[in-house]
Protein backbone atom coordinates (compact mmCIF):
# COMPACT_ATOMS: atom_id res chain seq x y z
CA MET A 1 -12.61 59.83 -16.20
CA ASN A 2 -11.25 62.85 -14.36
CA ILE A 3 -10.96 60.86 -11.02
CA LEU A 4 -8.48 58.65 -12.52
CA GLU A 5 -6.42 61.52 -14.02
CA ARG A 6 -5.77 63.46 -10.80
CA MET A 7 -2.65 63.49 -8.94
CA ILE A 8 -2.76 61.13 -5.83
CA ASP A 9 -0.64 62.16 -2.70
CA SER A 10 1.77 59.39 -2.27
CA ARG A 11 1.25 59.27 1.39
CA ALA A 12 -2.35 58.06 0.48
CA GLY A 13 -1.11 54.53 0.25
CA PHE A 14 -2.81 53.82 -3.06
CA LEU A 15 -2.43 54.60 -6.74
CA ASP A 16 -4.73 55.16 -9.77
CA PHE A 17 -5.12 51.48 -10.48
CA HIS A 18 -6.36 51.08 -6.80
CA ILE A 19 -9.20 53.61 -7.72
CA ALA A 20 -10.07 51.76 -11.05
CA LYS A 21 -10.15 48.66 -9.29
CA THR A 22 -12.36 49.91 -6.77
CA ILE A 23 -14.79 51.26 -9.11
CA LEU A 24 -14.65 48.04 -11.32
CA LEU A 25 -15.31 45.88 -7.91
CA LEU A 26 -18.30 48.22 -6.83
CA ASN A 27 -19.61 47.76 -10.29
CA LYS A 28 -20.76 44.31 -9.52
CA ASN A 29 -21.99 44.63 -5.89
CA PRO A 30 -21.71 46.54 -3.09
CA ILE A 31 -18.73 46.12 -0.95
CA GLY A 32 -17.45 46.79 2.65
CA ARG A 33 -14.06 48.03 3.63
CA SER A 34 -12.78 44.76 5.01
CA LYS A 35 -13.55 43.00 1.35
CA LEU A 36 -11.66 46.10 -0.33
CA ILE A 37 -8.80 45.83 1.91
CA LYS A 38 -8.25 42.19 0.75
CA GLU A 39 -9.02 43.04 -2.90
CA LEU A 40 -6.81 45.89 -3.06
CA ASP A 41 -4.03 44.40 -0.99
CA ILE A 42 -3.78 47.86 0.95
CA ASN A 43 -4.26 48.85 4.59
CA GLU A 44 -7.43 49.95 5.98
CA ALA A 45 -6.44 53.71 6.37
CA SER A 46 -5.63 53.62 2.85
CA VAL A 47 -9.00 52.17 1.98
CA ARG A 48 -10.73 54.77 4.02
CA THR A 49 -9.09 57.60 2.32
CA LEU A 50 -9.77 56.25 -1.09
CA LEU A 51 -13.38 55.86 -0.20
CA LYS A 52 -13.68 59.23 1.30
CA MET A 53 -12.25 60.63 -1.90
CA LEU A 54 -14.63 58.71 -3.90
CA GLU A 55 -17.50 59.71 -1.58
CA LYS A 56 -16.35 63.44 -1.78
CA ASP A 57 -16.29 63.36 -5.70
CA ARG A 58 -19.78 61.67 -5.45
CA PHE A 59 -18.67 58.53 -7.25
CA VAL A 60 -19.86 56.10 -4.38
CA PHE A 61 -22.14 56.16 -1.32
CA SER A 62 -22.41 54.26 1.71
CA SER A 63 -25.31 51.90 2.25
CA SER A 64 -26.19 49.29 4.87
CA ARG A 65 -24.62 46.42 2.36
CA GLY A 66 -21.21 48.48 1.85
CA HIS A 67 -20.20 50.99 -0.64
CA LYS A 68 -22.10 51.47 -3.97
CA LEU A 69 -21.63 53.20 -7.02
CA SER A 70 -23.54 56.43 -7.79
CA LYS A 71 -24.93 57.08 -11.03
CA LYS A 72 -21.67 59.19 -11.66
CA GLY A 73 -19.50 56.11 -10.58
CA VAL A 74 -21.79 53.81 -13.04
CA ALA A 75 -20.78 56.04 -15.74
CA ILE A 76 -17.15 55.66 -15.20
CA ALA A 77 -17.19 52.12 -14.60
CA LYS A 78 -19.25 51.58 -17.81
CA SER A 79 -16.24 53.61 -19.71
CA LEU A 80 -13.66 51.32 -18.05
CA THR A 81 -15.32 48.16 -18.99
CA GLU A 82 -15.92 49.35 -22.63
CA LYS A 83 -12.31 50.12 -23.00
CA ILE A 84 -10.49 47.63 -20.74
CA LYS A 85 -11.50 43.79 -20.93
CA GLY A 86 -10.16 41.64 -18.30
CA PRO A 87 -8.27 40.39 -16.16
CA PHE A 88 -7.31 37.23 -17.81
CA ASP A 89 -5.13 34.67 -16.41
CA VAL A 90 -2.18 33.83 -19.09
CA ASN A 91 -0.83 30.50 -19.67
CA LYS A 92 3.03 30.06 -19.11
CA THR A 93 5.02 30.70 -22.04
CA ASN A 94 8.80 30.92 -22.81
CA LEU A 95 8.31 34.71 -22.24
CA SER A 96 6.86 34.30 -18.68
CA ILE A 97 9.48 35.88 -16.13
CA SER A 98 7.65 35.25 -12.91
CA ASP A 99 5.20 32.82 -11.21
CA HIS A 100 2.00 34.64 -12.48
CA SER A 101 1.00 36.25 -15.53
CA VAL A 102 -2.20 38.39 -15.79
CA ALA A 103 -3.39 40.25 -19.04
CA TYR A 104 -5.79 43.04 -19.83
CA VAL A 105 -6.92 44.18 -23.35
CA VAL A 106 -7.30 47.79 -24.20
CA ARG A 107 -9.53 48.32 -26.96
CA GLY A 108 -8.23 50.50 -29.96
CA VAL A 109 -5.33 52.25 -28.40
CA SER A 110 -2.43 50.54 -30.61
CA HIS A 111 -1.72 54.09 -31.87
CA LYS A 112 -0.51 55.16 -28.37
CA ILE A 113 2.23 52.30 -28.29
CA LYS A 114 5.72 53.29 -29.15
CA LYS A 115 7.92 50.28 -28.02
CA GLY A 116 5.83 49.27 -24.81
CA VAL A 117 8.48 50.56 -22.53
CA GLU A 118 6.18 53.27 -20.90
CA GLN A 119 3.76 50.34 -20.17
CA ARG A 120 6.41 48.24 -18.67
CA ASP A 121 7.44 51.03 -16.38
CA GLN A 122 3.94 51.54 -15.29
CA ALA A 123 3.84 47.82 -14.38
CA ILE A 124 7.10 48.23 -12.50
CA ILE A 125 5.66 50.92 -10.44
CA ALA A 126 2.70 48.82 -9.56
CA GLY A 127 5.08 46.25 -8.27
CA ALA A 128 5.54 43.86 -11.06
CA ASP A 129 8.62 42.20 -12.07
CA GLY A 130 7.90 42.90 -15.80
CA LEU A 131 5.35 43.52 -18.69
CA ILE A 132 4.85 42.64 -22.19
CA THR A 133 2.93 44.65 -24.71
CA ILE A 134 1.39 42.92 -27.61
CA ILE A 135 -0.52 44.60 -30.54
CA LYS A 136 -3.16 43.16 -32.95
CA SER A 137 -2.92 44.40 -36.52
CA ASP A 138 -3.38 41.71 -39.12
CA LYS A 139 -1.85 39.35 -36.50
CA LEU A 140 -0.31 39.73 -33.06
CA TYR A 141 3.10 41.29 -32.61
CA MET A 142 5.28 42.95 -30.04
CA PRO A 143 6.40 46.39 -30.84
CA GLY A 144 10.22 46.93 -31.20
CA VAL A 145 10.74 43.22 -30.78
CA ARG A 146 11.59 40.82 -33.55
CA TRP A 147 10.44 37.64 -32.03
CA ASP A 148 7.09 36.03 -32.67
CA VAL A 149 4.32 36.17 -30.16
CA PRO A 150 4.40 32.72 -28.46
CA VAL A 151 1.80 30.22 -30.01
CA GLU A 152 0.00 29.88 -26.52
CA ILE A 153 -0.69 33.60 -26.30
CA SER A 154 -1.79 33.69 -29.84
CA VAL A 155 -4.29 30.78 -29.20
CA GLN A 156 -5.44 32.33 -26.00
CA PHE A 157 -6.08 35.74 -27.29
CA GLU A 158 -6.23 36.21 -31.02
CA SER A 159 -9.89 35.80 -31.15
CA LEU A 160 -10.40 38.01 -28.16
CA MET A 161 -8.79 40.97 -29.62
CA LYS A 162 -9.98 43.35 -32.39
CA LYS A 163 -7.67 45.13 -34.98
CA ASN A 164 -5.72 48.00 -32.91
CA ASP A 165 -6.20 46.32 -29.70
CA VAL A 166 -3.34 46.16 -27.27
CA LEU A 167 -2.63 43.20 -24.67
CA LEU A 168 -0.83 44.08 -21.52
CA ILE A 169 0.55 40.84 -19.70
CA GLY A 170 1.84 41.63 -16.09
CA PHE A 171 4.35 39.28 -14.48
CA SER A 172 4.92 39.09 -10.82
CA LYS A 173 5.33 36.65 -8.03
CA THR A 174 1.69 37.08 -6.91
CA LYS A 175 -1.38 37.04 -9.12
CA LYS A 176 -2.64 40.18 -7.65
CA SER A 177 0.53 42.11 -8.18
CA ALA A 178 0.57 40.92 -11.90
CA GLU A 179 -3.05 41.99 -12.33
CA PHE A 180 -2.52 45.47 -10.82
CA ALA A 181 0.64 45.71 -13.07
CA ALA A 182 -1.34 45.18 -16.19
CA LEU A 183 -4.19 47.34 -14.96
CA ASN A 184 -1.81 50.22 -14.50
CA ALA A 185 -0.27 50.08 -17.63
CA ALA A 186 -3.97 49.89 -19.38
CA LEU A 187 -4.70 53.06 -17.59
CA LEU A 188 -1.76 54.94 -18.99
CA LEU A 189 -3.41 54.27 -22.48
CA LEU A 190 -6.72 55.74 -21.50
CA HIS A 191 -4.98 59.18 -20.73
């Protein structure tokens, strides 16, 4: 997973979650630059730079049908999909602070959560309005908060989660921004 752990030049126009999302998208089918521009919500120059970086590190290669993952890229995609589940649209609750809520479940990382503030900060960096962190122990709970997890969230996610999993729900004005926020927070837990 070293590709996701490197420092990215701020002038590149993309962050770690763009790299992870690219790998996850390419894991399904070959994709051309124009589709990546739309899916990643970044400009063409940034997508070109991102793809060149992935090609240089031999994670992707170009084909007549678009960009595809190499064996090395498939291994990273497999690692990501084993540890991160989602994205999931989240039903509106009394905790919703924006128009859109999107979640990711991260397997077995509850021991890395303090109060969820670090994950919220990663969501803000990705452009979200906020993020809540929910842990599954014997039941779902929010670290550092005395409120109960809303019933709508429990119903939607309790059976999907295993003990020690973490649910990250990003909130934003756009669905894509909410998704990227939750993904960025999830990646923090994989380091």
